[in-house]
Amino acid sequence: MIKKIRTNKEYIGNNIYDKKWDDIIEKICLFGKAISDPKRVDMLRMFAENKRCYEKADGSRVEDLEERPEGICVCNFVDALDMAQSKVSYHIKVLKEAGLIKETVTGKWRYYSINCNKLNEMIEILKSFKQEMK
């Protein structure tokens, strides 16, 4: 997290600094960190392709597409990306901190899916940030 040290409005040089930028800058930084690793971008691609697990929370295999749990479990990323479970968990943590994915708990299983609302929010923030830069 970025340490917030400024008051509501203050002068920095000849410019007035507005506190609203603290939140925007923090969101952009978290987003930047989340997409800065190729493995995390690959994970986001898997989410975008709507990949799903083939196992139910009880461990039985799902044959019917409609019965598959919503989202992807860590074990699917381990297999698809050939990474250790601890590495996948770390990447999941970074994506969750940025708000780009959401977690659903079913029994002892955790399934992850893309958070489209947050992704759209980031697109709008970046658009507005671009407008402010003009």
C-alpha atoms as a PDB file:
ATOM      1  CA  MET A   1       0.000   0.000   0.000  1.00  0.00           C
ATOM      2  CA  ILE A   2       1.118   3.542  -0.677  1.00  0.00           C
ATOM      3  CA  LYS A   3       1.510   5.611   2.457  1.00  0.00           C
ATOM      4  CA  LYS A   4      -0.880   8.571   2.421  1.00  0.00           C
ATOM      5  CA  ILE A   5       0.923  11.581   3.843  1.00  0.00           C
ATOM      6  CA  ARG A   6      -0.849  14.559   2.338  1.00  0.00           C
ATOM      7  CA  THR A   7      -3.717  16.588   3.722  1.00  0.00           C
ATOM      8  CA  ASN A   8      -6.912  17.240   1.775  1.00  0.00           C
ATOM      9  CA  LYS A   9      -5.416  20.015  -0.365  1.00  0.00           C
ATOM     10  CA  GLU A  10      -1.990  21.533  -0.096  1.00  0.00           C
ATOM     11  CA  TYR A  11       0.430  23.459  -2.210  1.00  0.00           C
ATOM     12  CA  ILE A  12       3.322  21.636  -3.819  1.00  0.00           C
ATOM     13  CA  GLY A  13       5.481  24.097  -5.663  1.00  0.00           C
ATOM     14  CA  ASN A  14       3.109  26.383  -7.536  1.00  0.00           C
ATOM     15  CA  ASN A  15       0.398  23.721  -7.885  1.00  0.00           C
ATOM     16  CA  ILE A  16      -2.469  22.726  -5.627  1.00  0.00           C
ATOM     17  CA  TYR A  17      -2.348  19.022  -4.800  1.00  0.00           C
ATOM     18  CA  ASP A  18      -5.753  17.377  -4.506  1.00  0.00           C
ATOM     19  CA  LYS A  19      -6.071  14.314  -2.217  1.00  0.00           C
ATOM     20  CA  LYS A  20      -8.261  12.517  -4.777  1.00  0.00           C
ATOM     21  CA  TRP A  21      -5.046  11.663  -6.600  1.00  0.00           C
ATOM     22  CA  ASP A  22      -3.799   9.517  -3.692  1.00  0.00           C
ATOM     23  CA  ASP A  23      -6.533   6.913  -4.281  1.00  0.00           C
ATOM     24  CA  ILE A  24      -6.179   7.049  -8.055  1.00  0.00           C
ATOM     25  CA  ILE A  25      -2.397   6.704  -7.896  1.00  0.00           C
ATOM     26  CA  GLU A  26      -2.661   3.799  -5.458  1.00  0.00           C
ATOM     27  CA  LYS A  27      -5.125   1.955  -7.731  1.00  0.00           C
ATOM     28  CA  ILE A  28      -2.936   2.525 -10.788  1.00  0.00           C
ATOM     29  CA  CYS A  29       0.138   1.260  -8.911  1.00  0.00           C
ATOM     30  CA  LEU A  30      -1.633  -1.897  -7.720  1.00  0.00           C
ATOM     31  CA  PHE A  31      -2.939  -2.502 -11.237  1.00  0.00           C
ATOM     32  CA  GLY A  32       0.538  -1.930 -12.686  1.00  0.00           C
ATOM     33  CA  LYS A  33       2.067  -4.388 -10.242  1.00  0.00           C
ATOM     34  CA  ALA A  34      -0.624  -6.960 -11.034  1.00  0.00           C
ATOM     35  CA  ILE A  35       0.020  -6.894 -14.774  1.00  0.00           C
ATOM     36  CA  SER A  36       3.801  -6.503 -14.553  1.00  0.00           C
ATOM     37  CA  ASP A  37       4.476 -10.237 -14.509  1.00  0.00           C
ATOM     38  CA  PRO A  38       3.916 -12.406 -17.608  1.00  0.00           C
ATOM     39  CA  LYS A  39       2.599 -15.300 -15.479  1.00  0.00           C
ATOM     40  CA  ARG A  40      -0.114 -13.066 -13.991  1.00  0.00           C
ATOM     41  CA  VAL A  41      -1.064 -11.806 -17.451  1.00  0.00           C
ATOM     42  CA  ASP A  42      -1.296 -15.442 -18.561  1.00  0.00           C
ATOM     43  CA  MET A  43      -3.544 -16.154 -15.574  1.00  0.00           C
ATOM     44  CA  LEU A  44      -5.774 -13.223 -16.553  1.00  0.00           C
ATOM     45  CA  ARG A  45      -5.922 -14.663 -20.079  1.00  0.00           C
ATOM     46  CA  MET A  46      -7.139 -17.964 -18.647  1.00  0.00           C
ATOM     47  CA  PHE A  47      -9.822 -16.105 -16.709  1.00  0.00           C
ATOM     48  CA  ALA A  48     -10.845 -14.196 -19.841  1.00  0.00           C
ATOM     49  CA  GLU A  49     -11.181 -17.488 -21.739  1.00  0.00           C
ATOM     50  CA  ASN A  50     -13.554 -18.595 -18.961  1.00  0.00           C
ATOM     51  CA  LYS A  51     -11.475 -21.642 -18.084  1.00  0.00           C
ATOM     52  CA  ARG A  52     -13.112 -23.602 -15.301  1.00  0.00           C
ATOM     53  CA  CYS A  53     -12.226 -26.442 -12.979  1.00  0.00           C
ATOM     54  CA  TYR A  54     -13.166 -29.997 -13.788  1.00  0.00           C
ATOM     55  CA  GLU A  55     -13.577 -30.968 -10.146  1.00  0.00           C
ATOM     56  CA  LYS A  56     -16.345 -30.269  -7.667  1.00  0.00           C
ATOM     57  CA  ALA A  57     -15.643 -29.206  -4.114  1.00  0.00           C
ATOM     58  CA  ASP A  58     -15.979 -32.851  -3.018  1.00  0.00           C
ATOM     59  CA  GLY A  59     -13.163 -33.863  -5.408  1.00  0.00           C
ATOM     60  CA  SER A  60     -15.348 -35.740  -7.890  1.00  0.00           C
ATOM     61  CA  ARG A  61     -14.844 -35.083 -11.590  1.00  0.00           C
ATOM     62  CA  VAL A  62     -17.432 -32.979 -13.427  1.00  0.00           C
ATOM     63  CA  GLU A  63     -18.477 -34.165 -16.849  1.00  0.00           C
ATOM     64  CA  ASP A  64     -21.322 -31.704 -17.503  1.00  0.00           C
ATOM     65  CA  LEU A  65     -20.049 -28.186 -18.332  1.00  0.00           C
ATOM     66  CA  GLU A  66     -23.001 -26.569 -16.561  1.00  0.00           C
ATOM     67  CA  GLU A  67     -22.098 -28.284 -13.267  1.00  0.00           C
ATOM     68  CA  ARG A  68     -18.535 -26.976 -13.215  1.00  0.00           C
ATOM     69  CA  PRO A  69     -17.754 -24.533 -10.428  1.00  0.00           C
ATOM     70  CA  GLU A  70     -17.509 -20.866 -11.380  1.00  0.00           C
ATOM     71  CA  GLY A  71     -13.846 -19.931 -11.624  1.00  0.00           C
ATOM     72  CA  ILE A  72     -10.500 -21.652 -11.510  1.00  0.00           C
ATOM     73  CA  CYS A  73      -8.772 -23.290  -8.553  1.00  0.00           C
ATOM     74  CA  VAL A  74      -5.052 -23.001  -7.833  1.00  0.00           C
ATOM     75  CA  CYS A  75      -4.450 -26.593  -8.932  1.00  0.00           C
ATOM     76  CA  ASN A  76      -5.528 -25.723 -12.498  1.00  0.00           C
ATOM     77  CA  PHE A  77      -2.961 -22.935 -12.662  1.00  0.00           C
ATOM     78  CA  VAL A  78      -0.294 -25.266 -11.250  1.00  0.00           C
ATOM     79  CA  ASP A  79      -0.958 -27.710 -14.096  1.00  0.00           C
ATOM     80  CA  ALA A  80      -1.499 -25.193 -16.911  1.00  0.00           C
ATOM     81  CA  LEU A  81       1.429 -22.899 -16.059  1.00  0.00           C
ATOM     82  CA  ASP A  82       3.798 -25.568 -14.692  1.00  0.00           C
ATOM     83  CA  MET A  83       4.410 -23.634 -11.465  1.00  0.00           C
ATOM     84  CA  ALA A  84       4.634 -24.635  -7.832  1.00  0.00           C
ATOM     85  CA  GLN A  85       1.481 -24.146  -5.767  1.00  0.00           C
ATOM     86  CA  SER A  86       3.226 -21.549  -3.590  1.00  0.00           C
ATOM     87  CA  LYS A  87       4.132 -19.439  -6.646  1.00  0.00           C
ATOM     88  CA  VAL A  88       0.577 -19.629  -7.978  1.00  0.00           C
ATOM     89  CA  SER A  89      -0.764 -18.597  -4.564  1.00  0.00           C
ATOM     90  CA  TYR A  90       1.564 -15.594  -4.535  1.00  0.00           C
ATOM     91  CA  HIS A  91       0.381 -14.491  -7.991  1.00  0.00           C
ATOM     92  CA  ILE A  92      -3.258 -14.970  -6.914  1.00  0.00           C
ATOM     93  CA  LYS A  93      -2.561 -12.764  -3.883  1.00  0.00           C
ATOM     94  CA  VAL A  94      -1.174  -9.955  -6.065  1.00  0.00           C
ATOM     95  CA  LEU A  95      -4.158 -10.136  -8.430  1.00  0.00           C
ATOM     96  CA  LYS A  96      -6.571 -10.108  -5.461  1.00  0.00           C
ATOM     97  CA  GLU A  97      -4.831  -7.096  -3.880  1.00  0.00           C
ATOM     98  CA  ALA A  98      -5.368  -5.207  -7.128  1.00  0.00           C
ATOM     99  CA  GLY A  99      -9.010  -6.296  -7.065  1.00  0.00           C
ATOM    100  CA  LEU A 100      -8.741  -7.901 -10.503  1.00  0.00           C
ATOM    101  CA  ILE A 101      -9.997 -11.283  -9.357  1.00  0.00           C
ATOM    102  CA  LYS A 102     -12.597 -12.430  -6.874  1.00  0.00           C
ATOM    103  CA  GLU A 103     -12.676 -15.528  -4.717  1.00  0.00           C
ATOM    104  CA  THR A 104     -15.514 -17.974  -4.130  1.00  0.00           C
ATOM    105  CA  VAL A 105     -15.188 -20.514  -1.326  1.00  0.00           C
ATOM    106  CA  THR A 106     -17.006 -23.838  -1.678  1.00  0.00           C
ATOM    107  CA  GLY A 107     -16.222 -26.186   1.174  1.00  0.00           C
ATOM    108  CA  LYS A 108     -12.440 -26.402   1.445  1.00  0.00           C
ATOM    109  CA  TRP A 109     -11.971 -25.296  -2.183  1.00  0.00           C
ATOM    110  CA  ARG A 110     -11.346 -21.760  -3.399  1.00  0.00           C
ATOM    111  CA  TYR A 111     -12.218 -20.742  -6.919  1.00  0.00           C
ATOM    112  CA  TYR A 112     -11.049 -17.538  -8.579  1.00  0.00           C
ATOM    113  CA  SER A 113     -12.625 -15.567 -11.393  1.00  0.00           C
ATOM    114  CA  ILE A 114     -12.031 -12.226 -13.046  1.00  0.00           C
ATOM    115  CA  ASN A 115     -13.660  -9.188 -11.454  1.00  0.00           C
ATOM    116  CA  CYS A 116     -15.075  -7.461 -14.536  1.00  0.00           C
ATOM    117  CA  ASN A 117     -16.376  -4.505 -12.507  1.00  0.00           C
ATOM    118  CA  LYS A 118     -12.904  -3.741 -11.177  1.00  0.00           C
ATOM    119  CA  LEU A 119     -11.333  -4.202 -14.589  1.00  0.00           C
ATOM    120  CA  ASN A 120     -13.834  -1.747 -16.110  1.00  0.00           C
ATOM    121  CA  GLU A 121     -13.191   0.664 -13.232  1.00  0.00           C
ATOM    122  CA  MET A 122      -9.452   0.535 -13.979  1.00  0.00           C
ATOM    123  CA  ILE A 123     -10.082   1.242 -17.655  1.00  0.00           C
ATOM    124  CA  GLU A 124     -12.125   4.318 -16.693  1.00  0.00           C
ATOM    125  CA  ILE A 125      -9.483   5.482 -14.203  1.00  0.00           C
ATOM    126  CA  LEU A 126      -6.767   5.187 -16.843  1.00  0.00           C
ATOM    127  CA  LYS A 127      -8.941   7.068 -19.343  1.00  0.00           C
ATOM    128  CA  SER A 128      -9.571   9.892 -16.865  1.00  0.00           C
ATOM    129  CA  PHE A 129      -5.894   9.922 -15.912  1.00  0.00           C
ATOM    130  CA  LYS A 130      -5.021  10.292 -19.582  1.00  0.00           C
ATOM    131  CA  GLN A 131      -7.491  13.200 -19.892  1.00  0.00           C
ATOM    132  CA  GLU A 132      -5.913  14.944 -16.893  1.00  0.00           C
ATOM    133  CA  MET A 133      -2.495  14.627 -18.513  1.00  0.00           C
ATOM    134  CA  LYS A 134      -3.568  16.634 -21.575  1.00  0.00           C
END
